[in-house]
């Protein structure tokens, strides 16, 4: 039992460190996304558009992307079955057992 506890403890520490690294990467990715967004806005402003219009264009682009991603997510949720096969089989088994061995 002590060996199992030691193994689990080491695994939990490694998992915690892994989560920390992923969180750090996510924070850096958000910063990069913000800088890329501002770069895109200022690149658009070089076309002569006012800066406010460039921000609106980039925001609209992100809203369109968000709408497409939300639509794809909804399609995936529609495919999701709330009654998993294992749950259905378990319910059927309970019904069969009740008919054979009434309580």
Protein backbone atom coordinates (compact mmCIF):
# COMPACT_ATOMS: atom_id res chain seq x y z
CA UNK A 1 0.00 0.00 0.00
CA UNK A 2 2.89 2.36 0.79
CA UNK A 3 4.37 1.73 -2.64
CA UNK A 4 1.03 2.54 -4.30
CA UNK A 5 0.79 5.77 -2.26
CA UNK A 6 4.30 6.76 -3.29
CA UNK A 7 3.54 6.05 -6.95
CA UNK A 8 0.31 8.06 -6.80
CA UNK A 9 2.07 10.92 -5.03
CA UNK A 10 4.76 11.09 -7.71
CA UNK A 11 2.14 10.90 -10.45
CA UNK A 12 0.09 13.67 -8.83
CA UNK A 13 3.16 15.92 -8.55
CA UNK A 14 4.04 15.33 -12.20
CA UNK A 15 0.43 15.99 -13.20
CA UNK A 16 0.37 19.21 -11.20
CA UNK A 17 3.55 20.41 -12.87
CA UNK A 18 2.11 19.51 -16.27
CA UNK A 19 -1.04 21.51 -15.55
CA UNK A 20 1.12 24.46 -14.48
CA UNK A 21 3.10 24.33 -17.72
CA UNK A 22 -0.09 24.17 -19.79
CA UNK A 23 -1.53 27.11 -17.87
CA UNK A 24 1.65 29.11 -18.49
CA UNK A 25 1.48 28.27 -22.18
CA UNK A 26 -2.16 29.36 -22.31
CA UNK A 27 -1.34 32.72 -20.70
CA UNK A 28 1.47 33.32 -23.17
CA UNK A 29 -0.80 32.34 -26.06
CA UNK A 30 -3.38 34.91 -24.93
CA UNK A 31 -0.69 37.60 -24.80
CA UNK A 32 0.47 36.61 -28.29
CA UNK A 33 -3.11 36.70 -29.57
CA UNK A 34 -3.54 40.22 -28.19
CA UNK A 35 -0.32 41.43 -29.80
CA UNK A 36 -1.23 39.83 -33.13
CA UNK A 37 -4.65 41.49 -32.93
CA UNK A 38 -3.11 44.92 -32.36
CA UNK A 39 -0.66 44.25 -35.18
CA UNK A 40 -3.56 43.44 -37.48
CA UNK A 41 -5.38 46.62 -36.44
CA UNK A 42 -2.35 48.79 -37.09
CA UNK A 43 -1.65 47.03 -40.39
CA UNK A 44 -5.23 47.84 -41.45
CA UNK A 45 -4.74 51.45 -40.37
CA UNK A 46 -1.96 51.74 -42.95
CA UNK A 47 -4.66 51.51 -45.63
CA UNK A 48 -5.90 54.92 -44.53
CA UNK A 49 -8.87 53.76 -42.48
CA UNK A 50 -9.41 55.45 -39.13
CA UNK A 51 -8.07 53.49 -36.20
CA UNK A 52 -11.53 53.01 -34.68
CA UNK A 53 -12.77 51.43 -37.93
CA UNK A 54 -9.80 49.06 -37.96
CA UNK A 55 -10.62 47.92 -34.42
CA UNK A 56 -14.25 47.35 -35.45
CA UNK A 57 -13.19 45.32 -38.49
CA UNK A 58 -10.93 43.08 -36.41
CA UNK A 59 -13.65 42.68 -33.76
CA UNK A 60 -16.18 41.74 -36.46
CA UNK A 61 -13.72 39.19 -37.85
CA UNK A 62 -13.39 37.62 -34.40
CA UNK A 63 -17.17 37.58 -33.97
CA UNK A 64 -17.57 35.76 -37.29
CA UNK A 65 -14.95 33.21 -36.26
CA UNK A 66 -16.68 32.79 -32.87
CA UNK A 67 -20.04 32.24 -34.61
CA UNK A 68 -18.55 29.53 -36.85
CA UNK A 69 -16.91 27.81 -33.88
CA UNK A 70 -20.17 28.00 -31.88
CA UNK A 71 -22.08 26.51 -34.83
CA UNK A 72 -19.60 23.64 -35.07
CA UNK A 73 -19.84 23.10 -31.31
CA UNK A 74 -23.63 22.99 -31.50
CA UNK A 75 -23.44 20.38 -34.25
CA UNK A 76 -21.23 18.24 -32.02
CA UNK A 77 -23.60 18.62 -29.07
CA UNK A 78 -26.50 17.59 -31.26
CA UNK A 79 -24.66 14.34 -32.00
CA UNK A 80 -24.19 13.74 -28.28
CA UNK A 81 -26.50 11.10 -26.92
CA UNK A 82 -27.62 11.52 -23.35
CA UNK A 83 -28.47 7.84 -23.15
CA UNK A 84 -25.14 6.09 -23.47
CA UNK A 85 -25.26 2.49 -24.58
CA UNK A 86 -23.93 1.25 -21.27
CA UNK A 87 -26.68 3.09 -19.38
CA UNK A 88 -29.35 1.61 -21.65
CA UNK A 89 -27.92 -1.90 -21.20
CA UNK A 90 -27.77 -1.44 -17.42
CA UNK A 91 -31.43 -0.36 -17.34
CA UNK A 92 -32.41 -3.34 -19.48
CA UNK A 93 -30.49 -5.66 -17.16
CA UNK A 94 -32.29 -4.26 -14.12
CA UNK A 95 -35.66 -4.81 -15.82
CA UNK A 96 -34.77 -8.40 -16.75
CA UNK A 97 -33.61 -9.13 -13.21
CA UNK A 98 -36.79 -7.65 -11.76
CA UNK A 99 -38.95 -9.90 -13.93
CA UNK A 100 -36.94 -13.04 -13.07
CA UNK A 101 -36.34 -12.35 -9.39
CA UNK A 102 -39.01 -10.06 -8.01
CA UNK A 103 -38.07 -8.35 -4.77
